[in-house]
């Protein structure tokens, strides 16, 4: 988080980003921000029409839509005045019994003027 503000805004076409694990404040436990602070620092770096490959974790009952992750991404974009669209959601690997690593690909459709 300390490095992101030093980078030039709107300078990236694509960002590959794993949701940070937050130790005792892990979003999976319901006590963290689920990567929201990271998203709010990262999204201004993305150009309009830029894409993000956001890696997260999901329980098997959240698949295939990953609504919790989608809501976090949509909320971060809305708070910055960004319009976004989900391109694809994929299960990319098992991390434990009934727990999955997922990738949600989304695109910034419009930025505020």
C-alpha atoms as a PDB file:
ATOM      1  CA  UNK A   1       0.000   0.000   0.000  1.00  0.00           C
ATOM      2  CA  UNK A   2       2.865   2.367   0.620  1.00  0.00           C
ATOM      3  CA  UNK A   3       4.234   1.978  -2.915  1.00  0.00           C
ATOM      4  CA  UNK A   4       0.987   2.431  -4.856  1.00  0.00           C
ATOM      5  CA  UNK A   5       0.563   6.194  -4.220  1.00  0.00           C
ATOM      6  CA  UNK A   6       4.048   6.797  -5.662  1.00  0.00           C
ATOM      7  CA  UNK A   7       3.054   5.358  -9.067  1.00  0.00           C
ATOM      8  CA  UNK A   8       1.607   7.495 -11.846  1.00  0.00           C
ATOM      9  CA  UNK A   9      -2.183   7.404 -12.089  1.00  0.00           C
ATOM     10  CA  UNK A  10      -3.827   6.025 -15.229  1.00  0.00           C
ATOM     11  CA  UNK A  11      -0.593   4.422 -16.431  1.00  0.00           C
ATOM     12  CA  UNK A  12      -1.535   0.732 -16.590  1.00  0.00           C
ATOM     13  CA  UNK A  13      -3.597  -1.153 -19.181  1.00  0.00           C
ATOM     14  CA  UNK A  14      -3.724  -4.375 -17.136  1.00  0.00           C
ATOM     15  CA  UNK A  15      -3.148  -5.238 -13.496  1.00  0.00           C
ATOM     16  CA  UNK A  16      -2.812  -8.737 -12.038  1.00  0.00           C
ATOM     17  CA  UNK A  17      -3.591  -8.498  -8.339  1.00  0.00           C
ATOM     18  CA  UNK A  18      -4.040 -11.092  -5.621  1.00  0.00           C
ATOM     19  CA  UNK A  19      -6.247  -9.972  -2.755  1.00  0.00           C
ATOM     20  CA  UNK A  20      -3.920  -9.356   0.171  1.00  0.00           C
ATOM     21  CA  UNK A  21      -4.283 -11.754   3.083  1.00  0.00           C
ATOM     22  CA  UNK A  22      -4.744  -9.700   6.204  1.00  0.00           C
ATOM     23  CA  UNK A  23      -3.596 -11.943   9.037  1.00  0.00           C
ATOM     24  CA  UNK A  24      -5.957 -11.675  11.982  1.00  0.00           C
ATOM     25  CA  UNK A  25      -8.020  -9.118  10.032  1.00  0.00           C
ATOM     26  CA  UNK A  26      -8.524 -11.492   7.117  1.00  0.00           C
ATOM     27  CA  UNK A  27     -11.661 -10.750   5.112  1.00  0.00           C
ATOM     28  CA  UNK A  28     -12.376 -14.477   4.978  1.00  0.00           C
ATOM     29  CA  UNK A  29     -13.007 -14.344   8.728  1.00  0.00           C
ATOM     30  CA  UNK A  30     -15.408 -11.420   8.351  1.00  0.00           C
ATOM     31  CA  UNK A  31     -13.220  -8.946  10.242  1.00  0.00           C
ATOM     32  CA  UNK A  32     -11.036  -7.382   7.522  1.00  0.00           C
ATOM     33  CA  UNK A  33     -11.809  -5.146   4.562  1.00  0.00           C
ATOM     34  CA  UNK A  34     -11.481  -7.953   1.947  1.00  0.00           C
ATOM     35  CA  UNK A  35      -8.800  -6.019   0.079  1.00  0.00           C
ATOM     36  CA  UNK A  36     -10.869  -2.824  -0.205  1.00  0.00           C
ATOM     37  CA  UNK A  37      -8.016  -0.516   0.884  1.00  0.00           C
ATOM     38  CA  UNK A  38      -5.740  -2.197  -1.682  1.00  0.00           C
ATOM     39  CA  UNK A  39      -8.354  -1.797  -4.434  1.00  0.00           C
ATOM     40  CA  UNK A  40      -8.900   1.873  -3.582  1.00  0.00           C
ATOM     41  CA  UNK A  41      -5.156   2.509  -3.886  1.00  0.00           C
ATOM     42  CA  UNK A  42      -4.716   0.359  -7.017  1.00  0.00           C
ATOM     43  CA  UNK A  43      -7.686   1.319  -9.214  1.00  0.00           C
ATOM     44  CA  UNK A  44      -6.574   4.923  -9.903  1.00  0.00           C
ATOM     45  CA  UNK A  45      -3.467   3.467 -11.595  1.00  0.00           C
ATOM     46  CA  UNK A  46      -5.613   1.819 -14.260  1.00  0.00           C
ATOM     47  CA  UNK A  47      -6.377   3.509 -17.578  1.00  0.00           C
ATOM     48  CA  UNK A  48      -9.942   3.744 -18.853  1.00  0.00           C
ATOM     49  CA  UNK A  49     -10.786   0.434 -20.561  1.00  0.00           C
ATOM     50  CA  UNK A  50      -8.042  -1.173 -18.443  1.00  0.00           C
ATOM     51  CA  UNK A  51      -8.496  -4.671 -17.069  1.00  0.00           C
ATOM     52  CA  UNK A  52      -7.837  -6.247 -13.690  1.00  0.00           C
ATOM     53  CA  UNK A  53      -7.345  -9.922 -12.948  1.00  0.00           C
ATOM     54  CA  UNK A  54      -8.323 -10.039  -9.254  1.00  0.00           C
ATOM     55  CA  UNK A  55      -7.427 -13.247  -7.421  1.00  0.00           C
ATOM     56  CA  UNK A  56      -9.474 -14.069  -4.349  1.00  0.00           C
ATOM     57  CA  UNK A  57     -10.604 -17.039  -2.295  1.00  0.00           C
ATOM     58  CA  UNK A  58     -14.090 -18.526  -2.297  1.00  0.00           C
ATOM     59  CA  UNK A  59     -15.903 -21.382  -0.620  1.00  0.00           C
ATOM     60  CA  UNK A  60     -17.560 -23.912  -2.885  1.00  0.00           C
ATOM     61  CA  UNK A  61     -21.034 -22.536  -2.044  1.00  0.00           C
ATOM     62  CA  UNK A  62     -19.997 -19.132  -3.513  1.00  0.00           C
ATOM     63  CA  UNK A  63     -19.267 -20.609  -6.934  1.00  0.00           C
ATOM     64  CA  UNK A  64     -19.783 -19.985  -9.784  1.00  0.00           C
ATOM     65  CA  UNK A  65     -20.790 -16.317  -9.344  1.00  0.00           C
ATOM     66  CA  UNK A  66     -18.563 -15.301  -6.411  1.00  0.00           C
ATOM     67  CA  UNK A  67     -21.065 -12.639  -5.355  1.00  0.00           C
ATOM     68  CA  UNK A  68     -19.056 -11.575  -2.270  1.00  0.00           C
ATOM     69  CA  UNK A  69     -16.008 -10.828  -4.412  1.00  0.00           C
ATOM     70  CA  UNK A  70     -18.117  -9.140  -7.098  1.00  0.00           C
ATOM     71  CA  UNK A  71     -19.741  -6.864  -4.504  1.00  0.00           C
ATOM     72  CA  UNK A  72     -16.336  -5.859  -3.113  1.00  0.00           C
ATOM     73  CA  UNK A  73     -15.048  -4.990  -6.596  1.00  0.00           C
ATOM     74  CA  UNK A  74     -18.217  -3.105  -7.528  1.00  0.00           C
ATOM     75  CA  UNK A  75     -18.175  -1.191  -4.242  1.00  0.00           C
ATOM     76  CA  UNK A  76     -14.540  -0.128  -4.679  1.00  0.00           C
ATOM     77  CA  UNK A  77     -15.209   1.060  -8.227  1.00  0.00           C
ATOM     78  CA  UNK A  78     -18.371   2.927  -7.229  1.00  0.00           C
ATOM     79  CA  UNK A  79     -16.610   4.725  -4.389  1.00  0.00           C
ATOM     80  CA  UNK A  80     -14.074   6.050  -6.929  1.00  0.00           C
ATOM     81  CA  UNK A  81     -16.764   6.966  -9.462  1.00  0.00           C
ATOM     82  CA  UNK A  82     -15.674   4.219 -11.871  1.00  0.00           C
ATOM     83  CA  UNK A  83     -17.992   2.192 -14.049  1.00  0.00           C
ATOM     84  CA  UNK A  84     -16.921  -1.421 -14.419  1.00  0.00           C
ATOM     85  CA  UNK A  85     -18.023  -4.670 -15.972  1.00  0.00           C
ATOM     86  CA  UNK A  86     -17.238  -8.226 -14.977  1.00  0.00           C
ATOM     87  CA  UNK A  87     -15.675 -10.069 -17.905  1.00  0.00           C
ATOM     88  CA  UNK A  88     -15.141 -13.548 -16.489  1.00  0.00           C
ATOM     89  CA  UNK A  89     -15.077 -15.510 -13.233  1.00  0.00           C
ATOM     90  CA  UNK A  90     -12.969 -18.652 -13.061  1.00  0.00           C
ATOM     91  CA  UNK A  91     -12.051 -21.205 -10.444  1.00  0.00           C
ATOM     92  CA  UNK A  92      -8.267 -21.478 -10.778  1.00  0.00           C
ATOM     93  CA  UNK A  93      -7.169 -23.833  -8.028  1.00  0.00           C
ATOM     94  CA  UNK A  94      -8.048 -25.628  -4.837  1.00  0.00           C
ATOM     95  CA  UNK A  95      -6.469 -24.332  -1.632  1.00  0.00           C
ATOM     96  CA  UNK A  96      -8.209 -26.654   0.818  1.00  0.00           C
ATOM     97  CA  UNK A  97     -11.236 -28.883   1.057  1.00  0.00           C
ATOM     98  CA  UNK A  98     -14.180 -26.915  -0.396  1.00  0.00           C
ATOM     99  CA  UNK A  99     -12.027 -23.766  -0.697  1.00  0.00           C
ATOM    100  CA  UNK A 100     -10.972 -22.318  -4.043  1.00  0.00           C
ATOM    101  CA  UNK A 101      -8.709 -19.694  -5.516  1.00  0.00           C
ATOM    102  CA  UNK A 102     -10.749 -17.722  -8.038  1.00  0.00           C
ATOM    103  CA  UNK A 103      -9.928 -15.079 -10.612  1.00  0.00           C
ATOM    104  CA  UNK A 104     -12.453 -12.358 -11.369  1.00  0.00           C
ATOM    105  CA  UNK A 105     -11.570 -10.425 -14.513  1.00  0.00           C
ATOM    106  CA  UNK A 106     -13.120  -6.983 -14.805  1.00  0.00           C
ATOM    107  CA  UNK A 107     -12.741  -3.909 -16.990  1.00  0.00           C
ATOM    108  CA  UNK A 108     -13.076  -0.210 -16.213  1.00  0.00           C
ATOM    109  CA  UNK A 109     -15.705   0.972 -18.680  1.00  0.00           C
ATOM    110  CA  UNK A 110     -15.698   4.664 -17.769  1.00  0.00           C
ATOM    111  CA  UNK A 111     -13.794   7.015 -15.490  1.00  0.00           C
ATOM    112  CA  UNK A 112     -15.120  10.299 -14.106  1.00  0.00           C
ATOM    113  CA  UNK A 113     -14.480  13.314 -16.320  1.00  0.00           C
END
